[in-house]
Amino acid sequence: MKNFFLTIILSLSLITGLSSSLFAINEYEDEDEYFTYSVYGGYGFGSVLNISTGLLEAIAFSFSAAFTDEARTIEDNGSFGPLFFGADYYFSDNFSAGGIFVYESVNRRWQYDSGYVDWDWTFVSLMGRLNVQYGWDYFKFYHSIMIGGTYSGIDVSSSDGQSPGSSEFIPGVHLALLGIKIGKEFSVFADVGVGWLGIVNFGASFSF
């Protein structure tokens, strides 16, 4: 019986000591200064701009069927992006604000028996970004909202020549619904969202 109580006492002492150590470590980590700046870059797949221009071209492509009997196809002709770079300033370990630059080129070719038509879209966006993150030192979840403006340009060329291009400025917006970031000073991240970046985005960041 004496050994039993001795075992209980030693176990409680060990648990208490371990708990105190973990609490002390947690307090130390909480007091540790958070990073002030972060720079990052990445690549996305399936932006709203890519999808919406694809739908517009599909509608126009179908409508043009009434004016030709030729066999026709529509295919990607070297689209690129969205490619993005940005920088954030951290007010605390959980909240930051910054800016992001996004570039995307959407190129499609309408191929006919007698020739082709190329539709080349260019989108250049600059947006402000608000970010919230939470989690642990080396693994964090984050959510972001980005709002700004976009230069949108289109050039149409064909086997018969090139038509005058056009451009305009439109709003830019993206919402990162859920992201994960792994690492500390240097980290990799992935998120899912909707807007001017991709539905799925991957990248890397450096904090200091």
C-alpha atoms as a PDB file:
ATOM      1  CA  MET A   1       0.000   0.000   0.000  1.00  0.00           C
ATOM      2  CA  LYS A   2       2.902   2.307   0.874  1.00  0.00           C
ATOM      3  CA  ASN A   3       4.390   1.694  -2.584  1.00  0.00           C
ATOM      4  CA  PHE A   4       1.033   2.463  -4.178  1.00  0.00           C
ATOM      5  CA  PHE A   5       0.767   5.857  -2.473  1.00  0.00           C
ATOM      6  CA  LEU A   6       4.411   6.562  -3.254  1.00  0.00           C
ATOM      7  CA  THR A   7       3.736   5.833  -6.926  1.00  0.00           C
ATOM      8  CA  ILE A   8       0.694   8.145  -6.894  1.00  0.00           C
ATOM      9  CA  ILE A   9       2.689  10.941  -5.267  1.00  0.00           C
ATOM     10  CA  LEU A  10       5.569  10.575  -7.728  1.00  0.00           C
ATOM     11  CA  SER A  11       3.156  10.485 -10.677  1.00  0.00           C
ATOM     12  CA  LEU A  12       1.355  13.617  -9.510  1.00  0.00           C
ATOM     13  CA  SER A  13       4.682  15.348  -8.966  1.00  0.00           C
ATOM     14  CA  LEU A  14       5.814  14.398 -12.462  1.00  0.00           C
ATOM     15  CA  ILE A  15       2.551  15.570 -14.036  1.00  0.00           C
ATOM     16  CA  THR A  16       2.666  18.828 -12.077  1.00  0.00           C
ATOM     17  CA  GLY A  17       6.275  19.431 -13.052  1.00  0.00           C
ATOM     18  CA  LEU A  18       5.594  18.660 -16.715  1.00  0.00           C
ATOM     19  CA  SER A  19       2.529  20.905 -16.743  1.00  0.00           C
ATOM     20  CA  SER A  20       4.519  23.735 -15.182  1.00  0.00           C
ATOM     21  CA  SER A  21       7.254  23.304 -17.786  1.00  0.00           C
ATOM     22  CA  LEU A  22       4.759  23.330 -20.661  1.00  0.00           C
ATOM     23  CA  PHE A  23       3.059  26.400 -19.218  1.00  0.00           C
ATOM     24  CA  ALA A  24       6.418  28.147 -18.901  1.00  0.00           C
ATOM     25  CA  ILE A  25       7.313  27.256 -22.500  1.00  0.00           C
ATOM     26  CA  ASN A  26       3.932  28.544 -23.684  1.00  0.00           C
ATOM     27  CA  GLU A  27       4.421  31.775 -21.741  1.00  0.00           C
ATOM     28  CA  TYR A  28       7.861  32.163 -23.298  1.00  0.00           C
ATOM     29  CA  GLU A  29       6.462  31.626 -26.798  1.00  0.00           C
ATOM     30  CA  ASP A  30       3.639  34.088 -26.157  1.00  0.00           C
ATOM     31  CA  GLU A  31       6.148  36.713 -25.048  1.00  0.00           C
ATOM     32  CA  ASP A  32       8.385  36.049 -28.040  1.00  0.00           C
ATOM     33  CA  GLU A  33       8.215  38.882 -30.534  1.00  0.00           C
ATOM     34  CA  TYR A  34       6.200  38.228 -33.654  1.00  0.00           C
ATOM     35  CA  PHE A  35       7.531  38.995 -37.109  1.00  0.00           C
ATOM     36  CA  THR A  36       6.849  42.512 -38.343  1.00  0.00           C
ATOM     37  CA  TYR A  37       7.057  42.022 -42.115  1.00  0.00           C
ATOM     38  CA  SER A  38       6.396  39.256 -44.589  1.00  0.00           C
ATOM     39  CA  VAL A  39       7.028  39.030 -48.332  1.00  0.00           C
ATOM     40  CA  TYR A  40       5.546  36.263 -50.438  1.00  0.00           C
ATOM     41  CA  GLY A  41       4.852  34.981 -53.915  1.00  0.00           C
ATOM     42  CA  GLY A  42       2.784  32.239 -55.466  1.00  0.00           C
ATOM     43  CA  TYR A  43       0.720  30.847 -58.292  1.00  0.00           C
ATOM     44  CA  GLY A  44      -2.984  30.078 -58.587  1.00  0.00           C
ATOM     45  CA  PHE A  45      -5.294  27.893 -60.627  1.00  0.00           C
ATOM     46  CA  GLY A  46      -8.824  28.746 -61.769  1.00  0.00           C
ATOM     47  CA  SER A  47      -9.372  32.480 -61.245  1.00  0.00           C
ATOM     48  CA  VAL A  48     -12.746  34.134 -61.755  1.00  0.00           C
ATOM     49  CA  LEU A  49     -11.189  36.105 -64.634  1.00  0.00           C
ATOM     50  CA  ASN A  50     -10.135  32.924 -66.421  1.00  0.00           C
ATOM     51  CA  ILE A  51     -13.492  31.249 -65.865  1.00  0.00           C
ATOM     52  CA  SER A  52     -15.612  34.291 -66.803  1.00  0.00           C
ATOM     53  CA  THR A  53     -13.704  35.027 -70.024  1.00  0.00           C
ATOM     54  CA  GLY A  54     -13.990  31.341 -70.899  1.00  0.00           C
ATOM     55  CA  LEU A  55     -17.768  31.495 -70.502  1.00  0.00           C
ATOM     56  CA  LEU A  56     -18.007  34.665 -72.614  1.00  0.00           C
ATOM     57  CA  GLU A  57     -15.919  33.121 -75.363  1.00  0.00           C
ATOM     58  CA  ALA A  58     -17.922  29.889 -75.255  1.00  0.00           C
ATOM     59  CA  ILE A  59     -21.154  31.866 -75.737  1.00  0.00           C
ATOM     60  CA  ALA A  60     -19.673  33.885 -78.619  1.00  0.00           C
ATOM     61  CA  PHE A  61     -18.176  30.735 -80.118  1.00  0.00           C
ATOM     62  CA  SER A  62     -21.558  28.982 -80.066  1.00  0.00           C
ATOM     63  CA  PHE A  63     -23.325  32.034 -81.502  1.00  0.00           C
ATOM     64  CA  SER A  64     -20.873  32.217 -84.430  1.00  0.00           C
ATOM     65  CA  ALA A  65     -21.822  28.676 -85.498  1.00  0.00           C
ATOM     66  CA  ALA A  66     -24.795  30.113 -87.383  1.00  0.00           C
ATOM     67  CA  PHE A  67     -22.454  31.970 -89.741  1.00  0.00           C
ATOM     68  CA  THR A  68     -20.131  29.168 -90.846  1.00  0.00           C
ATOM     69  CA  ASP A  69     -20.223  25.516 -91.831  1.00  0.00           C
ATOM     70  CA  GLU A  70     -16.539  24.970 -91.087  1.00  0.00           C
ATOM     71  CA  ALA A  71     -15.289  22.586 -88.435  1.00  0.00           C
ATOM     72  CA  ARG A  72     -14.171  24.639 -85.439  1.00  0.00           C
ATOM     73  CA  THR A  73     -12.393  24.112 -82.145  1.00  0.00           C
ATOM     74  CA  ILE A  74     -11.523  26.365 -79.221  1.00  0.00           C
ATOM     75  CA  GLU A  75      -8.373  25.685 -77.208  1.00  0.00           C
ATOM     76  CA  ASP A  76      -6.029  27.252 -74.696  1.00  0.00           C
ATOM     77  CA  ASN A  77      -3.136  29.037 -76.390  1.00  0.00           C
ATOM     78  CA  GLY A  78      -0.603  29.529 -73.606  1.00  0.00           C
ATOM     79  CA  SER A  79      -2.527  31.055 -70.700  1.00  0.00           C
ATOM     80  CA  PHE A  80      -0.434  31.982 -67.665  1.00  0.00           C
ATOM     81  CA  GLY A  81      -1.301  32.858 -64.082  1.00  0.00           C
ATOM     82  CA  PRO A  82      -2.491  34.170 -61.841  1.00  0.00           C
ATOM     83  CA  LEU A  83       1.028  34.874 -60.608  1.00  0.00           C
ATOM     84  CA  PHE A  84       1.153  37.037 -57.489  1.00  0.00           C
ATOM     85  CA  PHE A  85       3.620  38.829 -55.197  1.00  0.00           C
ATOM     86  CA  GLY A  86       2.903  40.732 -52.035  1.00  0.00           C
ATOM     87  CA  ALA A  87       4.079  42.152 -48.729  1.00  0.00           C
ATOM     88  CA  ASP A  88       2.369  42.365 -45.335  1.00  0.00           C
ATOM     89  CA  TYR A  89       2.876  44.358 -42.154  1.00  0.00           C
ATOM     90  CA  TYR A  90       1.921  42.565 -38.930  1.00  0.00           C
ATOM     91  CA  PHE A  91       0.153  44.557 -36.205  1.00  0.00           C
ATOM     92  CA  SER A  92       0.279  41.439 -34.022  1.00  0.00           C
ATOM     93  CA  ASP A  93       0.891  37.739 -34.442  1.00  0.00           C
ATOM     94  CA  ASN A  94      -2.706  37.381 -35.658  1.00  0.00           C
ATOM     95  CA  PHE A  95      -3.457  40.409 -37.833  1.00  0.00           C
ATOM     96  CA  SER A  96      -1.709  41.965 -40.816  1.00  0.00           C
ATOM     97  CA  ALA A  97      -2.335  44.330 -43.719  1.00  0.00           C
ATOM     98  CA  GLY A  98      -0.478  44.845 -46.956  1.00  0.00           C
ATOM     99  CA  GLY A  99      -0.634  44.894 -50.718  1.00  0.00           C
ATOM    100  CA  ILE A 100      -0.586  42.311 -53.481  1.00  0.00           C
ATOM    101  CA  PHE A 101       0.271  42.453 -57.191  1.00  0.00           C
ATOM    102  CA  VAL A 102      -1.393  39.912 -59.507  1.00  0.00           C
ATOM    103  CA  TYR A 103      -0.673  39.169 -63.176  1.00  0.00           C
ATOM    104  CA  GLU A 104      -2.666  36.869 -65.433  1.00  0.00           C
ATOM    105  CA  SER A 105      -2.694  36.235 -69.181  1.00  0.00           C
ATOM    106  CA  VAL A 106      -5.582  34.286 -70.709  1.00  0.00           C
ATOM    107  CA  ASN A 107      -5.021  33.231 -74.328  1.00  0.00           C
ATOM    108  CA  ARG A 108      -7.399  31.128 -76.420  1.00  0.00           C
ATOM    109  CA  ARG A 109      -7.512  30.231 -80.113  1.00  0.00           C
ATOM    110  CA  TRP A 110     -10.584  29.620 -82.227  1.00  0.00           C
ATOM    111  CA  GLN A 111      -9.374  27.264 -84.934  1.00  0.00           C
ATOM    112  CA  TYR A 112     -11.237  27.030 -88.255  1.00  0.00           C
ATOM    113  CA  ASP A 113     -10.535  25.043 -91.406  1.00  0.00           C
ATOM    114  CA  SER A 114      -9.688  28.291 -93.178  1.00  0.00           C
ATOM    115  CA  GLY A 115      -7.771  30.026 -90.373  1.00  0.00           C
ATOM    116  CA  TYR A 116      -7.879  31.053 -86.727  1.00  0.00           C
ATOM    117  CA  VAL A 117      -8.776  33.821 -84.292  1.00  0.00           C
ATOM    118  CA  ASP A 118      -6.678  34.473 -81.167  1.00  0.00           C
ATOM    119  CA  TRP A 119      -8.188  36.111 -78.094  1.00  0.00           C
ATOM    120  CA  ASP A 120      -5.484  37.418 -75.746  1.00  0.00           C
ATOM    121  CA  TRP A 121      -6.596  38.837 -72.397  1.00  0.00           C
ATOM    122  CA  THR A 122      -4.217  40.570 -69.974  1.00  0.00           C
ATOM    123  CA  PHE A 123      -5.082  41.354 -66.357  1.00  0.00           C
ATOM    124  CA  VAL A 124      -2.846  43.352 -64.008  1.00  0.00           C
ATOM    125  CA  SER A 125      -4.203  43.907 -60.504  1.00  0.00           C
ATOM    126  CA  LEU A 126      -3.077  45.820 -57.446  1.00  0.00           C
ATOM    127  CA  MET A 127      -5.052  45.187 -54.277  1.00  0.00           C
ATOM    128  CA  GLY A 128      -4.887  45.905 -50.573  1.00  0.00           C
ATOM    129  CA  ARG A 129      -4.996  42.872 -48.306  1.00  0.00           C
ATOM    130  CA  LEU A 130      -6.279  42.230 -44.775  1.00  0.00           C
ATOM    131  CA  ASN A 131      -5.238  38.958 -43.183  1.00  0.00           C
ATOM    132  CA  VAL A 132      -6.055  37.077 -39.979  1.00  0.00           C
ATOM    133  CA  GLN A 133      -4.081  34.024 -38.875  1.00  0.00           C
ATOM    134  CA  TYR A 134      -4.051  31.721 -35.875  1.00  0.00           C
ATOM    135  CA  GLY A 135      -2.523  28.445 -34.784  1.00  0.00           C
ATOM    136  CA  TRP A 136       0.957  27.433 -33.644  1.00  0.00           C
ATOM    137  CA  ASP A 137       4.496  28.623 -34.307  1.00  0.00           C
ATOM    138  CA  TYR A 138       5.095  26.353 -37.289  1.00  0.00           C
ATOM    139  CA  PHE A 139       1.532  25.681 -38.449  1.00  0.00           C
ATOM    140  CA  LYS A 140      -1.107  28.366 -38.927  1.00  0.00           C
ATOM    141  CA  PHE A 141      -4.518  28.801 -40.509  1.00  0.00           C
ATOM    142  CA  TYR A 142      -5.378  32.067 -42.248  1.00  0.00           C
ATOM    143  CA  HIS A 143      -8.194  33.958 -43.982  1.00  0.00           C
ATOM    144  CA  SER A 144      -7.767  37.013 -46.210  1.00  0.00           C
ATOM    145  CA  ILE A 145      -9.745  39.598 -48.124  1.00  0.00           C
ATOM    146  CA  MET A 146      -8.244  41.625 -50.989  1.00  0.00           C
ATOM    147  CA  ILE A 147      -9.802  44.654 -52.695  1.00  0.00           C
ATOM    148  CA  GLY A 148      -8.366  46.955 -55.352  1.00  0.00           C
ATOM    149  CA  GLY A 149      -8.306  47.650 -59.079  1.00  0.00           C
ATOM    150  CA  THR A 150      -7.453  45.784 -62.270  1.00  0.00           C
ATOM    151  CA  TYR A 151      -6.226  46.788 -65.695  1.00  0.00           C
ATOM    152  CA  SER A 152      -8.034  44.600 -68.235  1.00  0.00           C
ATOM    153  CA  GLY A 153      -6.843  44.511 -71.839  1.00  0.00           C
ATOM    154  CA  ILE A 154      -7.791  42.378 -74.833  1.00  0.00           C
ATOM    155  CA  ASP A 155      -6.154  41.909 -78.229  1.00  0.00           C
ATOM    156  CA  VAL A 156      -7.841  39.999 -81.043  1.00  0.00           C
ATOM    157  CA  SER A 157      -5.795  38.729 -83.969  1.00  0.00           C
ATOM    158  CA  SER A 158      -6.552  36.297 -86.762  1.00  0.00           C
ATOM    159  CA  SER A 159      -5.073  34.742 -89.858  1.00  0.00           C
ATOM    160  CA  ASP A 160      -6.530  37.767 -91.702  1.00  0.00           C
ATOM    161  CA  GLY A 161      -4.826  40.365 -89.498  1.00  0.00           C
ATOM    162  CA  GLN A 162      -5.153  42.069 -86.124  1.00  0.00           C
ATOM    163  CA  SER A 163      -8.077  44.087 -84.806  1.00  0.00           C
ATOM    164  CA  PRO A 164      -7.579  47.168 -82.611  1.00  0.00           C
ATOM    165  CA  GLY A 165      -7.213  46.192 -78.960  1.00  0.00           C
ATOM    166  CA  SER A 166      -9.221  47.621 -76.089  1.00  0.00           C
ATOM    167  CA  SER A 167      -8.664  48.086 -72.374  1.00  0.00           C
ATOM    168  CA  GLU A 168     -10.439  49.254 -69.248  1.00  0.00           C
ATOM    169  CA  PHE A 169     -10.080  49.421 -65.486  1.00  0.00           C
ATOM    170  CA  ILE A 170     -12.313  47.210 -63.374  1.00  0.00           C
ATOM    171  CA  PRO A 171     -12.547  46.434 -59.647  1.00  0.00           C
ATOM    172  CA  GLY A 172     -10.391  43.647 -58.252  1.00  0.00           C
ATOM    173  CA  VAL A 173     -11.353  41.407 -55.360  1.00  0.00           C
ATOM    174  CA  HIS A 174     -10.369  38.080 -53.841  1.00  0.00           C
ATOM    175  CA  LEU A 175     -11.396  36.169 -50.736  1.00  0.00           C
ATOM    176  CA  ALA A 176      -9.130  33.469 -49.319  1.00  0.00           C
ATOM    177  CA  LEU A 177     -11.652  31.283 -47.528  1.00  0.00           C
ATOM    178  CA  LEU A 178      -9.162  29.003 -45.798  1.00  0.00           C
ATOM    179  CA  GLY A 179      -5.390  28.743 -45.965  1.00  0.00           C
ATOM    180  CA  ILE A 180      -2.631  26.873 -44.185  1.00  0.00           C
ATOM    181  CA  LYS A 181       0.932  28.072 -43.649  1.00  0.00           C
ATOM    182  CA  ILE A 182       3.737  25.739 -42.593  1.00  0.00           C
ATOM    183  CA  GLY A 183       7.032  27.114 -41.327  1.00  0.00           C
ATOM    184  CA  LYS A 184       8.242  30.150 -39.422  1.00  0.00           C
ATOM    185  CA  GLU A 185      10.810  32.545 -40.947  1.00  0.00           C
ATOM    186  CA  PHE A 186      10.523  30.693 -44.233  1.00  0.00           C
ATOM    187  CA  SER A 187       7.153  29.072 -44.871  1.00  0.00           C
ATOM    188  CA  VAL A 188       5.073  27.504 -47.591  1.00  0.00           C
ATOM    189  CA  PHE A 189       1.342  28.050 -47.911  1.00  0.00           C
ATOM    190  CA  ALA A 190      -1.745  26.886 -49.748  1.00  0.00           C
ATOM    191  CA  ASP A 191      -5.297  28.211 -49.742  1.00  0.00           C
ATOM    192  CA  VAL A 192      -8.686  27.915 -51.384  1.00  0.00           C
ATOM    193  CA  GLY A 193     -10.747  30.936 -52.304  1.00  0.00           C
ATOM    194  CA  VAL A 194     -12.681  32.809 -54.948  1.00  0.00           C
ATOM    195  CA  GLY A 195     -11.794  35.904 -56.948  1.00  0.00           C
ATOM    196  CA  TRP A 196      -8.845  37.296 -58.876  1.00  0.00           C
ATOM    197  CA  LEU A 197      -6.402  34.722 -57.530  1.00  0.00           C
ATOM    198  CA  GLY A 198      -7.052  31.037 -58.119  1.00  0.00           C
ATOM    199  CA  ILE A 199      -9.600  28.742 -56.584  1.00  0.00           C
ATOM    200  CA  VAL A 200      -6.465  26.970 -55.339  1.00  0.00           C
ATOM    201  CA  ASN A 201      -3.211  28.858 -54.666  1.00  0.00           C
ATOM    202  CA  PHE A 202       0.277  27.781 -53.618  1.00  0.00           C
ATOM    203  CA  GLY A 203       3.309  29.807 -52.625  1.00  0.00           C
ATOM    204  CA  ALA A 204       6.135  30.613 -50.235  1.00  0.00           C
ATOM    205  CA  SER A 205       6.831  33.485 -47.854  1.00  0.00           C
ATOM    206  CA  PHE A 206       9.685  34.959 -45.857  1.00  0.00           C
ATOM    207  CA  SER A 207       9.035  36.765 -42.561  1.00  0.00           C
ATOM    208  CA  PHE A 208      11.398  39.047 -40.670  1.00  0.00           C
END
